[in-house]
Amino acid sequence: MNRAIVTRTGLLLALLASGSVFAAKSADTVPYRYGMPLDIARVISIDEPNPLTCETIQAKMTYVDTSGEKKSVTYLKESSACASS
């Protein structure tokens, strides 16, 4: 019985710890503001949803700045469906 409680407690703690890691990663992403200076040396990825209709979506760009630090910024843009409309 004690072993089961210890195992469940360990699993719960691991789950809580992984949740806080995900929260910390998403907190590093900042929303873009018009005129905000960006120091981009290299773009790592651009992630965005792919809706079938023309609409405004939120994209996320992950990049490395000139000091080698990895950063992320979110911004609004038209979906790729707008190009064919």
N, C-alpha and C. Protein backbone atom coordinates (compact mmCIF):
# COMPACT_ATOMS: atom_id res chain seq x y z
N MET A 1 0.82 -1.19 0.00
CA MET A 1 0.00 0.00 0.00
C MET A 1 0.87 1.26 0.00
N ASN A 2 1.92 1.30 0.84
CA ASN A 2 2.80 2.46 0.89
C ASN A 2 3.52 2.67 -0.43
N ARG A 3 3.91 1.57 -1.06
CA ARG A 3 4.63 1.66 -2.33
C ARG A 3 3.73 2.29 -3.40
N ALA A 4 2.45 1.94 -3.42
CA ALA A 4 1.52 2.52 -4.38
C ALA A 4 1.36 4.02 -4.16
N ILE A 5 1.31 4.45 -2.92
CA ILE A 5 1.17 5.87 -2.61
C ILE A 5 2.42 6.63 -3.04
N VAL A 6 3.58 6.05 -2.77
CA VAL A 6 4.84 6.69 -3.16
C VAL A 6 4.92 6.79 -4.69
N THR A 7 4.52 5.75 -5.39
CA THR A 7 4.56 5.75 -6.85
C THR A 7 3.62 6.81 -7.40
N ARG A 8 2.40 6.87 -6.89
CA ARG A 8 1.43 7.86 -7.36
C ARG A 8 1.90 9.28 -7.05
N THR A 9 2.47 9.47 -5.89
CA THR A 9 2.98 10.79 -5.52
C THR A 9 4.12 11.20 -6.46
N GLY A 10 5.00 10.26 -6.78
CA GLY A 10 6.11 10.53 -7.70
C GLY A 10 5.60 10.89 -9.08
N LEU A 11 4.59 10.16 -9.55
CA LEU A 11 4.03 10.46 -10.87
C LEU A 11 3.35 11.83 -10.88
N LEU A 12 2.66 12.15 -9.82
CA LEU A 12 2.00 13.45 -9.72
C LEU A 12 3.03 14.58 -9.72
N LEU A 13 4.10 14.42 -8.97
CA LEU A 13 5.15 15.44 -8.92
C LEU A 13 5.82 15.60 -10.29
N ALA A 14 6.04 14.49 -10.98
CA ALA A 14 6.64 14.55 -12.32
C ALA A 14 5.71 15.28 -13.29
N LEU A 15 4.42 15.02 -13.19
CA LEU A 15 3.45 15.69 -14.05
C LEU A 15 3.41 17.18 -13.77
N LEU A 16 3.41 17.55 -12.50
CA LEU A 16 3.40 18.97 -12.15
C LEU A 16 4.67 19.67 -12.60
N ALA A 17 5.79 18.99 -12.47
CA ALA A 17 7.06 19.58 -12.89
C ALA A 17 7.10 19.79 -14.40
N SER A 18 6.59 18.83 -15.17
CA SER A 18 6.60 18.98 -16.62
C SER A 18 5.67 20.09 -17.05
N GLY A 19 4.56 20.28 -16.35
CA GLY A 19 3.65 21.38 -16.66
C GLY A 19 4.29 22.72 -16.44
N SER A 20 5.09 22.86 -15.39
CA SER A 20 5.75 24.14 -15.13
C SER A 20 6.84 24.41 -16.16
N VAL A 21 7.45 23.37 -16.70
CA VAL A 21 8.45 23.55 -17.76
C VAL A 21 7.77 24.09 -19.00
N PHE A 22 6.61 23.54 -19.36
CA PHE A 22 5.89 24.04 -20.53
C PHE A 22 5.44 25.48 -20.31
N ALA A 23 5.02 25.81 -19.12
CA ALA A 23 4.60 27.17 -18.83
C ALA A 23 5.78 28.13 -18.95
N ALA A 24 6.94 27.71 -18.51
CA ALA A 24 8.12 28.56 -18.60
C ALA A 24 8.52 28.79 -20.05
N LYS A 25 8.41 27.76 -20.89
CA LYS A 25 8.76 27.92 -22.30
C LYS A 25 7.81 28.88 -23.00
N SER A 26 6.52 28.78 -22.71
CA SER A 26 5.57 29.67 -23.37
C SER A 26 5.70 31.10 -22.85
N ALA A 27 6.17 31.27 -21.63
CA ALA A 27 6.33 32.61 -21.08
C ALA A 27 7.47 33.35 -21.77
N ASP A 28 8.41 32.64 -22.38
CA ASP A 28 9.53 33.26 -23.08
C ASP A 28 9.09 33.90 -24.38
N THR A 29 7.95 33.50 -24.92
CA THR A 29 7.45 34.06 -26.17
C THR A 29 6.76 35.38 -25.89
N VAL A 30 7.17 36.41 -26.62
CA VAL A 30 6.58 37.73 -26.42
C VAL A 30 5.75 38.11 -27.65
N PRO A 31 4.65 38.82 -27.45
CA PRO A 31 3.88 39.28 -28.61
C PRO A 31 4.57 40.48 -29.26
N TYR A 32 4.57 40.51 -30.58
CA TYR A 32 5.18 41.61 -31.31
C TYR A 32 4.32 42.86 -31.18
N ARG A 33 4.97 43.99 -30.96
CA ARG A 33 4.31 45.30 -30.96
C ARG A 33 4.87 46.10 -32.13
N TYR A 34 4.04 46.88 -32.77
CA TYR A 34 4.49 47.70 -33.90
C TYR A 34 5.67 48.57 -33.48
N GLY A 35 6.73 48.52 -34.26
CA GLY A 35 7.92 49.32 -33.98
C GLY A 35 8.90 48.65 -33.03
N MET A 36 8.56 47.48 -32.54
CA MET A 36 9.44 46.77 -31.60
C MET A 36 10.72 46.33 -32.33
N PRO A 37 11.89 46.69 -31.80
CA PRO A 37 13.12 46.28 -32.46
C PRO A 37 13.37 44.78 -32.31
N LEU A 38 13.71 44.12 -33.40
CA LEU A 38 14.03 42.70 -33.37
C LEU A 38 15.48 42.52 -33.80
N ASP A 39 16.23 41.78 -33.05
CA ASP A 39 17.65 41.51 -33.32
C ASP A 39 17.74 40.07 -33.81
N ILE A 40 17.50 39.85 -35.09
CA ILE A 40 17.43 38.49 -35.64
C ILE A 40 18.69 38.18 -36.43
N ALA A 41 19.45 37.19 -35.96
CA ALA A 41 20.62 36.74 -36.70
C ALA A 41 20.26 35.55 -37.59
N ARG A 42 19.37 34.66 -37.07
CA ARG A 42 18.99 33.46 -37.82
C ARG A 42 17.61 33.01 -37.37
N VAL A 43 16.73 32.74 -38.33
CA VAL A 43 15.40 32.22 -38.02
C VAL A 43 15.49 30.71 -37.90
N ILE A 44 14.98 30.18 -36.79
CA ILE A 44 14.96 28.73 -36.57
C ILE A 44 13.70 28.12 -37.15
N SER A 45 12.54 28.71 -36.82
CA SER A 45 11.28 28.18 -37.33
C SER A 45 10.19 29.23 -37.29
N ILE A 46 9.19 29.02 -38.14
CA ILE A 46 7.97 29.82 -38.12
C ILE A 46 6.83 28.83 -38.07
N ASP A 47 6.05 28.89 -37.01
CA ASP A 47 4.92 27.98 -36.81
C ASP A 47 3.63 28.78 -36.90
N GLU A 48 2.67 28.24 -37.66
CA GLU A 48 1.38 28.89 -37.79
C GLU A 48 0.31 27.87 -38.13
N PRO A 49 -0.93 28.15 -37.71
CA PRO A 49 -2.02 27.25 -38.09
C PRO A 49 -2.29 27.38 -39.59
N ASN A 50 -2.95 26.41 -40.17
CA ASN A 50 -3.23 26.42 -41.60
C ASN A 50 -4.73 26.28 -41.84
N PRO A 51 -5.51 27.35 -41.56
CA PRO A 51 -6.95 27.25 -41.78
C PRO A 51 -7.28 27.24 -43.27
N LEU A 52 -8.44 26.73 -43.60
CA LEU A 52 -8.87 26.64 -45.00
C LEU A 52 -9.52 27.92 -45.49
N THR A 53 -9.82 28.83 -44.58
CA THR A 53 -10.45 30.10 -44.96
C THR A 53 -9.48 31.25 -44.74
N CYS A 54 -9.75 32.33 -45.45
CA CYS A 54 -8.93 33.54 -45.29
C CYS A 54 -9.29 34.20 -43.97
N GLU A 55 -8.32 34.29 -43.08
CA GLU A 55 -8.54 34.90 -41.77
C GLU A 55 -7.22 35.34 -41.18
N THR A 56 -7.29 36.14 -40.12
CA THR A 56 -6.10 36.57 -39.40
C THR A 56 -5.72 35.47 -38.40
N ILE A 57 -4.44 35.09 -38.43
CA ILE A 57 -3.96 34.03 -37.55
C ILE A 57 -2.79 34.54 -36.72
N GLN A 58 -2.46 33.79 -35.68
CA GLN A 58 -1.29 34.12 -34.87
C GLN A 58 -0.16 33.15 -35.22
N ALA A 59 0.96 33.70 -35.67
CA ALA A 59 2.13 32.90 -36.00
C ALA A 59 3.19 33.09 -34.92
N LYS A 60 4.10 32.14 -34.83
CA LYS A 60 5.19 32.21 -33.85
C LYS A 60 6.51 32.00 -34.58
N MET A 61 7.42 32.96 -34.42
CA MET A 61 8.75 32.84 -35.01
C MET A 61 9.76 32.62 -33.89
N THR A 62 10.56 31.57 -34.05
CA THR A 62 11.65 31.29 -33.12
C THR A 62 12.95 31.63 -33.84
N TYR A 63 13.80 32.38 -33.18
CA TYR A 63 15.02 32.84 -33.83
C TYR A 63 16.17 32.93 -32.83
N VAL A 64 17.37 33.15 -33.36
CA VAL A 64 18.57 33.38 -32.56
C VAL A 64 19.00 34.81 -32.82
N ASP A 65 19.27 35.56 -31.74
CA ASP A 65 19.72 36.95 -31.92
C ASP A 65 21.23 36.99 -32.12
N THR A 66 21.78 38.19 -32.30
CA THR A 66 23.21 38.32 -32.61
C THR A 66 24.11 37.93 -31.44
N SER A 67 23.56 37.85 -30.24
CA SER A 67 24.37 37.38 -29.10
C SER A 67 24.25 35.88 -28.89
N GLY A 68 23.51 35.19 -29.78
CA GLY A 68 23.39 33.73 -29.70
C GLY A 68 22.25 33.24 -28.83
N GLU A 69 21.41 34.14 -28.34
CA GLU A 69 20.30 33.76 -27.47
C GLU A 69 19.07 33.40 -28.30
N LYS A 70 18.43 32.29 -27.94
CA LYS A 70 17.23 31.83 -28.64
C LYS A 70 16.02 32.58 -28.10
N LYS A 71 15.19 33.15 -28.99
CA LYS A 71 14.02 33.92 -28.59
C LYS A 71 12.83 33.55 -29.48
N SER A 72 11.64 33.90 -29.02
CA SER A 72 10.42 33.67 -29.79
C SER A 72 9.53 34.88 -29.72
N VAL A 73 8.82 35.14 -30.81
CA VAL A 73 7.88 36.25 -30.87
C VAL A 73 6.64 35.77 -31.62
N THR A 74 5.46 36.20 -31.15
CA THR A 74 4.23 35.89 -31.86
C THR A 74 3.77 37.16 -32.57
N TYR A 75 3.07 36.96 -33.68
CA TYR A 75 2.58 38.10 -34.46
C TYR A 75 1.34 37.68 -35.23
N LEU A 76 0.55 38.66 -35.64
CA LEU A 76 -0.65 38.40 -36.41
C LEU A 76 -0.36 38.56 -37.89
N LYS A 77 -0.99 37.71 -38.71
CA LYS A 77 -0.81 37.77 -40.16
C LYS A 77 -2.01 37.13 -40.83
N GLU A 78 -2.15 37.33 -42.14
CA GLU A 78 -3.20 36.68 -42.89
C GLU A 78 -2.80 35.23 -43.14
N SER A 79 -3.77 34.34 -43.13
CA SER A 79 -3.48 32.93 -43.40
C SER A 79 -3.11 32.75 -44.86
N SER A 80 -2.48 31.64 -45.19
CA SER A 80 -2.08 31.39 -46.57
C SER A 80 -3.27 31.21 -47.48
N ALA A 81 -4.44 30.93 -46.95
CA ALA A 81 -5.66 30.80 -47.76
C ALA A 81 -6.04 32.14 -48.39
N CYS A 82 -5.57 33.24 -47.82
CA CYS A 82 -5.90 34.57 -48.36
C CYS A 82 -5.21 34.82 -49.69
N ALA A 83 -4.08 34.19 -49.92
CA ALA A 83 -3.31 34.39 -51.15
C ALA A 83 -4.06 33.84 -52.36
N SER A 84 -4.85 32.82 -52.17
CA SER A 84 -5.56 32.21 -53.31
C SER A 84 -6.98 32.77 -53.46
N SER A 85 -7.34 33.74 -52.60
CA SER A 85 -8.70 34.31 -52.67
C SER A 85 -8.76 35.47 -53.62
